[in-house]
Amino acid sequence: MKNRNKSFSIDTLFILMLLCLFTIGALIITSHSINAYEKIYDKSNESFEKYTPLSYVSTKIRQYDNTGFIRIETLLIDNTKIDALVLRAYDGDELCETWIYNYNDNIYEQYIDVSTPFVADDGIIIFENNNMYFSLEDNFIKITTLSKEKIPTTLCLYLRSKYANGNFIDGGIN
């Protein structure tokens, strides 16, 4: 009887040790998986914040480039110079403009009739906590965004439509 109890307790102890070893191994693997997931999640968010605004604006430019109605407008808002991307197109018989601009560390978009005065506060935020800058030179439009860490990412697009000295050409209206 004593041998059987001793054998039973050694068997039980061995099984418990295996169970503890399995549990410790599972915790170590889970911990490493969580760290890997967090790194993937952070990289994904960083990529989204870096490239989505550029992709959005480049798509808008490509849509409006067919008509030749693209310009950069420099605005003075709260004693700060801001460059805005202005995209013109006809909406039915009306000539309208889409303004994309950086204001209060957010990227705004505003769709207005050309006869409506531009008011920066009337736009809607399309990307939060982001800065975007525009420049236009020799039919190349340069779009630069700054990440939260102030690291710039730049995209250059070649415009198919003609643009010269701040005026629209090829069917554009000055």
C-alpha atoms as a PDB file:
ATOM      1  CA  MET A   1       0.000   0.000   0.000  1.00  0.00           C
ATOM      2  CA  LYS A   2       2.834   2.414   0.834  1.00  0.00           C
ATOM      3  CA  ASN A   3       4.526   1.730  -2.517  1.00  0.00           C
ATOM      4  CA  ARG A   4       1.305   2.487  -4.300  1.00  0.00           C
ATOM      5  CA  ASN A   5       0.847   5.865  -2.503  1.00  0.00           C
ATOM      6  CA  LYS A   6       4.477   6.731  -3.140  1.00  0.00           C
ATOM      7  CA  SER A   7       4.086   5.787  -6.807  1.00  0.00           C
ATOM      8  CA  PHE A   8       0.832   7.730  -7.028  1.00  0.00           C
ATOM      9  CA  SER A   9       2.376  10.876  -5.577  1.00  0.00           C
ATOM     10  CA  ILE A  10       5.418  10.667  -7.930  1.00  0.00           C
ATOM     11  CA  ASP A  11       3.085  10.177 -10.896  1.00  0.00           C
ATOM     12  CA  THR A  12       0.929  13.096  -9.749  1.00  0.00           C
ATOM     13  CA  LEU A  13       3.988  15.262  -9.145  1.00  0.00           C
ATOM     14  CA  PHE A  14       5.360  14.439 -12.621  1.00  0.00           C
ATOM     15  CA  ILE A  15       2.034  15.280 -14.261  1.00  0.00           C
ATOM     16  CA  LEU A  16       1.807  18.570 -12.338  1.00  0.00           C
ATOM     17  CA  MET A  17       5.381  19.452 -13.362  1.00  0.00           C
ATOM     18  CA  LEU A  18       4.517  18.790 -17.021  1.00  0.00           C
ATOM     19  CA  LEU A  19       1.395  20.902 -16.676  1.00  0.00           C
ATOM     20  CA  CYS A  20       3.406  23.756 -15.121  1.00  0.00           C
ATOM     21  CA  LEU A  21       6.033  23.469 -17.873  1.00  0.00           C
ATOM     22  CA  PHE A  22       3.313  23.590 -20.535  1.00  0.00           C
ATOM     23  CA  THR A  23       1.677  26.625 -18.844  1.00  0.00           C
ATOM     24  CA  ILE A  24       4.985  28.511 -18.595  1.00  0.00           C
ATOM     25  CA  GLY A  25       5.755  27.758 -22.249  1.00  0.00           C
ATOM     26  CA  ALA A  26       2.289  28.935 -23.300  1.00  0.00           C
ATOM     27  CA  LEU A  27       2.707  32.180 -21.325  1.00  0.00           C
ATOM     28  CA  ILE A  28       6.106  32.850 -22.919  1.00  0.00           C
ATOM     29  CA  ILE A  29       4.743  32.260 -26.426  1.00  0.00           C
ATOM     30  CA  THR A  30       1.680  34.422 -25.702  1.00  0.00           C
ATOM     31  CA  SER A  31       3.897  37.223 -24.392  1.00  0.00           C
ATOM     32  CA  HIS A  32       6.036  37.166 -27.540  1.00  0.00           C
ATOM     33  CA  SER A  33       2.916  37.065 -29.725  1.00  0.00           C
ATOM     34  CA  ILE A  34       1.464  40.101 -27.955  1.00  0.00           C
ATOM     35  CA  ASN A  35       4.697  42.053 -28.513  1.00  0.00           C
ATOM     36  CA  ALA A  36       4.755  41.079 -32.182  1.00  0.00           C
ATOM     37  CA  TYR A  37       1.105  42.052 -32.603  1.00  0.00           C
ATOM     38  CA  GLU A  38       1.707  45.453 -30.967  1.00  0.00           C
ATOM     39  CA  LYS A  39       4.621  46.128 -33.339  1.00  0.00           C
ATOM     40  CA  ILE A  40       2.511  45.162 -36.367  1.00  0.00           C
ATOM     41  CA  TYR A  41      -0.376  47.327 -35.117  1.00  0.00           C
ATOM     42  CA  ASP A  42       1.920  50.332 -34.555  1.00  0.00           C
ATOM     43  CA  LYS A  43       3.514  49.964 -38.005  1.00  0.00           C
ATOM     44  CA  SER A  44       0.078  49.658 -39.607  1.00  0.00           C
ATOM     45  CA  ASN A  45      -1.149  52.846 -37.887  1.00  0.00           C
ATOM     46  CA  GLU A  46       2.036  54.678 -38.815  1.00  0.00           C
ATOM     47  CA  SER A  47       1.649  53.608 -42.436  1.00  0.00           C
ATOM     48  CA  PHE A  48      -2.019  54.643 -42.469  1.00  0.00           C
ATOM     49  CA  GLU A  49      -1.268  58.082 -41.026  1.00  0.00           C
ATOM     50  CA  LYS A  50       1.632  58.599 -43.418  1.00  0.00           C
ATOM     51  CA  TYR A  51       0.216  57.429 -46.742  1.00  0.00           C
ATOM     52  CA  THR A  52      -3.579  57.751 -46.572  1.00  0.00           C
ATOM     53  CA  PRO A  53      -3.667  61.582 -46.766  1.00  0.00           C
ATOM     54  CA  LEU A  54      -1.238  61.496 -49.708  1.00  0.00           C
ATOM     55  CA  SER A  55      -3.278  58.825 -51.451  1.00  0.00           C
ATOM     56  CA  TYR A  56      -6.524  60.720 -50.863  1.00  0.00           C
ATOM     57  CA  VAL A  57      -5.185  63.995 -52.254  1.00  0.00           C
ATOM     58  CA  SER A  58      -3.442  62.337 -55.202  1.00  0.00           C
ATOM     59  CA  THR A  59      -6.723  60.634 -56.142  1.00  0.00           C
ATOM     60  CA  LYS A  60      -8.536  63.974 -55.963  1.00  0.00           C
ATOM     61  CA  ILE A  61      -5.871  65.609 -58.146  1.00  0.00           C
ATOM     62  CA  ARG A  62      -6.103  62.833 -60.732  1.00  0.00           C
ATOM     63  CA  GLN A  63      -9.897  63.188 -60.826  1.00  0.00           C
ATOM     64  CA  TYR A  64      -9.754  66.949 -61.376  1.00  0.00           C
ATOM     65  CA  ASP A  65      -6.677  66.970 -63.624  1.00  0.00           C
ATOM     66  CA  ASN A  66      -8.736  65.980 -66.648  1.00  0.00           C
ATOM     67  CA  THR A  67     -10.417  69.363 -66.613  1.00  0.00           C
ATOM     68  CA  GLY A  68      -7.307  71.464 -66.090  1.00  0.00           C
ATOM     69  CA  PHE A  69      -8.663  73.233 -63.000  1.00  0.00           C
ATOM     70  CA  ILE A  70      -5.931  72.881 -60.360  1.00  0.00           C
ATOM     71  CA  ARG A  71      -4.120  75.633 -58.469  1.00  0.00           C
ATOM     72  CA  ILE A  72      -2.387  76.398 -55.187  1.00  0.00           C
ATOM     73  CA  GLU A  73      -3.835  79.358 -53.289  1.00  0.00           C
ATOM     74  CA  THR A  74      -1.928  81.042 -50.456  1.00  0.00           C
ATOM     75  CA  LEU A  75      -4.231  82.169 -47.659  1.00  0.00           C
ATOM     76  CA  LEU A  76      -3.616  84.335 -44.614  1.00  0.00           C
ATOM     77  CA  ILE A  77      -5.535  82.803 -41.722  1.00  0.00           C
ATOM     78  CA  ASP A  78      -4.935  84.009 -38.156  1.00  0.00           C
ATOM     79  CA  ASN A  79      -1.731  85.761 -39.320  1.00  0.00           C
ATOM     80  CA  THR A  80      -0.414  82.473 -40.702  1.00  0.00           C
ATOM     81  CA  LYS A  81       0.201  81.763 -44.372  1.00  0.00           C
ATOM     82  CA  ILE A  82      -1.439  78.553 -45.494  1.00  0.00           C
ATOM     83  CA  ASP A  83      -1.230  76.936 -48.905  1.00  0.00           C
ATOM     84  CA  ALA A  84      -4.471  75.405 -50.099  1.00  0.00           C
ATOM     85  CA  LEU A  85      -5.003  73.051 -53.008  1.00  0.00           C
ATOM     86  CA  VAL A  86      -7.948  74.298 -55.063  1.00  0.00           C
ATOM     87  CA  LEU A  87      -9.636  71.915 -57.496  1.00  0.00           C
ATOM     88  CA  ARG A  88     -12.281  73.287 -59.871  1.00  0.00           C
ATOM     89  CA  ALA A  89     -14.933  71.345 -61.738  1.00  0.00           C
ATOM     90  CA  TYR A  90     -18.380  71.814 -63.130  1.00  0.00           C
ATOM     91  CA  ASP A  91     -21.221  70.397 -61.077  1.00  0.00           C
ATOM     92  CA  GLY A  92     -23.962  70.445 -63.668  1.00  0.00           C
ATOM     93  CA  ASP A  93     -23.883  74.016 -64.968  1.00  0.00           C
ATOM     94  CA  GLU A  94     -22.235  75.474 -61.850  1.00  0.00           C
ATOM     95  CA  LEU A  95     -18.495  75.928 -61.454  1.00  0.00           C
ATOM     96  CA  CYS A  96     -17.478  74.651 -58.021  1.00  0.00           C
ATOM     97  CA  GLU A  97     -14.235  74.363 -56.083  1.00  0.00           C
ATOM     98  CA  THR A  98     -12.872  71.820 -53.646  1.00  0.00           C
ATOM     99  CA  TRP A  99     -10.399  73.365 -51.220  1.00  0.00           C
ATOM    100  CA  ILE A 100      -7.979  71.107 -49.352  1.00  0.00           C
ATOM    101  CA  TYR A 101      -5.892  72.890 -46.737  1.00  0.00           C
ATOM    102  CA  ASN A 102      -4.027  72.597 -43.466  1.00  0.00           C
ATOM    103  CA  TYR A 103      -5.687  74.451 -40.584  1.00  0.00           C
ATOM    104  CA  ASN A 104      -5.255  74.019 -36.811  1.00  0.00           C
ATOM    105  CA  ASP A 105      -2.995  70.983 -37.361  1.00  0.00           C
ATOM    106  CA  ASN A 106      -5.726  69.143 -39.250  1.00  0.00           C
ATOM    107  CA  ILE A 107      -6.369  68.669 -42.942  1.00  0.00           C
ATOM    108  CA  TYR A 108      -9.669  70.176 -44.052  1.00  0.00           C
ATOM    109  CA  GLU A 109     -11.744  69.898 -47.182  1.00  0.00           C
ATOM    110  CA  GLN A 110     -14.414  72.307 -48.359  1.00  0.00           C
ATOM    111  CA  TYR A 111     -16.644  72.108 -51.436  1.00  0.00           C
ATOM    112  CA  ILE A 112     -18.075  75.481 -52.487  1.00  0.00           C
ATOM    113  CA  ASP A 113     -19.501  77.342 -55.452  1.00  0.00           C
ATOM    114  CA  VAL A 114     -16.916  79.723 -56.985  1.00  0.00           C
ATOM    115  CA  SER A 115     -19.077  82.721 -56.075  1.00  0.00           C
ATOM    116  CA  THR A 116     -19.118  81.685 -52.390  1.00  0.00           C
ATOM    117  CA  PRO A 117     -16.353  83.291 -50.321  1.00  0.00           C
ATOM    118  CA  PHE A 118     -13.898  80.857 -48.754  1.00  0.00           C
ATOM    119  CA  VAL A 119     -14.044  80.609 -44.938  1.00  0.00           C
ATOM    120  CA  ALA A 120     -11.526  78.214 -43.362  1.00  0.00           C
ATOM    121  CA  ASP A 121     -13.790  77.310 -40.424  1.00  0.00           C
ATOM    122  CA  ASP A 122     -16.509  76.045 -42.797  1.00  0.00           C
ATOM    123  CA  GLY A 123     -14.452  73.068 -43.965  1.00  0.00           C
ATOM    124  CA  ILE A 124     -14.686  69.551 -42.601  1.00  0.00           C
ATOM    125  CA  ILE A 125     -11.753  67.713 -41.073  1.00  0.00           C
ATOM    126  CA  ILE A 126     -10.685  64.853 -43.324  1.00  0.00           C
ATOM    127  CA  PHE A 127      -7.498  63.913 -41.426  1.00  0.00           C
ATOM    128  CA  GLU A 128      -6.785  64.773 -37.809  1.00  0.00           C
ATOM    129  CA  ASN A 129      -3.409  65.626 -36.275  1.00  0.00           C
ATOM    130  CA  ASN A 130      -1.702  65.927 -39.601  1.00  0.00           C
ATOM    131  CA  ASN A 131      -0.020  68.711 -41.546  1.00  0.00           C
ATOM    132  CA  MET A 132       0.007  68.963 -45.331  1.00  0.00           C
ATOM    133  CA  TYR A 133       1.833  71.400 -47.576  1.00  0.00           C
ATOM    134  CA  PHE A 134       1.487  72.000 -51.314  1.00  0.00           C
ATOM    135  CA  SER A 135       3.672  73.509 -53.997  1.00  0.00           C
ATOM    136  CA  LEU A 136       3.243  73.703 -57.759  1.00  0.00           C
ATOM    137  CA  GLU A 137       6.103  74.153 -60.183  1.00  0.00           C
ATOM    138  CA  ASP A 138       6.391  73.314 -63.884  1.00  0.00           C
ATOM    139  CA  ASN A 139       3.270  71.133 -63.877  1.00  0.00           C
ATOM    140  CA  PHE A 140       4.572  69.142 -60.906  1.00  0.00           C
ATOM    141  CA  ILE A 141       2.560  69.334 -57.737  1.00  0.00           C
ATOM    142  CA  LYS A 142       4.452  68.445 -54.592  1.00  0.00           C
ATOM    143  CA  ILE A 143       2.482  67.310 -51.545  1.00  0.00           C
ATOM    144  CA  THR A 144       4.283  66.933 -48.223  1.00  0.00           C
ATOM    145  CA  THR A 145       2.814  65.610 -44.994  1.00  0.00           C
ATOM    146  CA  LEU A 146       4.382  65.682 -41.559  1.00  0.00           C
ATOM    147  CA  SER A 147       3.890  62.836 -39.122  1.00  0.00           C
ATOM    148  CA  LYS A 148       3.342  63.370 -35.410  1.00  0.00           C
ATOM    149  CA  GLU A 149       7.107  63.015 -35.017  1.00  0.00           C
ATOM    150  CA  LYS A 150       7.509  65.772 -37.674  1.00  0.00           C
ATOM    151  CA  ILE A 151       8.981  63.372 -40.232  1.00  0.00           C
ATOM    152  CA  PRO A 152       8.113  64.532 -43.784  1.00  0.00           C
ATOM    153  CA  THR A 153       6.711  62.295 -46.499  1.00  0.00           C
ATOM    154  CA  THR A 154       6.519  63.788 -49.982  1.00  0.00           C
ATOM    155  CA  LEU A 155       4.628  62.840 -53.124  1.00  0.00           C
ATOM    156  CA  CYS A 156       5.225  64.487 -56.514  1.00  0.00           C
ATOM    157  CA  LEU A 157       2.590  64.289 -59.243  1.00  0.00           C
ATOM    158  CA  TYR A 158       2.832  65.412 -62.831  1.00  0.00           C
ATOM    159  CA  LEU A 159      -0.248  67.287 -64.021  1.00  0.00           C
ATOM    160  CA  ARG A 160      -1.550  66.474 -67.483  1.00  0.00           C
ATOM    161  CA  SER A 161      -3.365  69.800 -67.707  1.00  0.00           C
ATOM    162  CA  LYS A 162      -1.561  73.071 -68.330  1.00  0.00           C
ATOM    163  CA  TYR A 163      -0.958  75.594 -65.581  1.00  0.00           C
ATOM    164  CA  ALA A 164       1.035  78.810 -65.831  1.00  0.00           C
ATOM    165  CA  ASN A 165       1.624  81.806 -63.541  1.00  0.00           C
ATOM    166  CA  GLY A 166      -1.292  81.042 -61.231  1.00  0.00           C
ATOM    167  CA  ASN A 167      -3.819  80.873 -64.084  1.00  0.00           C
ATOM    168  CA  PHE A 168      -5.774  77.951 -65.423  1.00  0.00           C
ATOM    169  CA  ILE A 169      -5.274  77.154 -69.102  1.00  0.00           C
ATOM    170  CA  ASP A 170      -6.955  74.659 -71.461  1.00  0.00           C
ATOM    171  CA  GLY A 171     -10.545  75.516 -70.613  1.00  0.00           C
ATOM    172  CA  GLY A 172      -9.889  76.873 -67.135  1.00  0.00           C
ATOM    173  CA  ILE A 173     -11.444  80.069 -65.903  1.00  0.00           C
ATOM    174  CA  ASN A 174      -9.195  82.738 -64.349  1.00  0.00           C
END
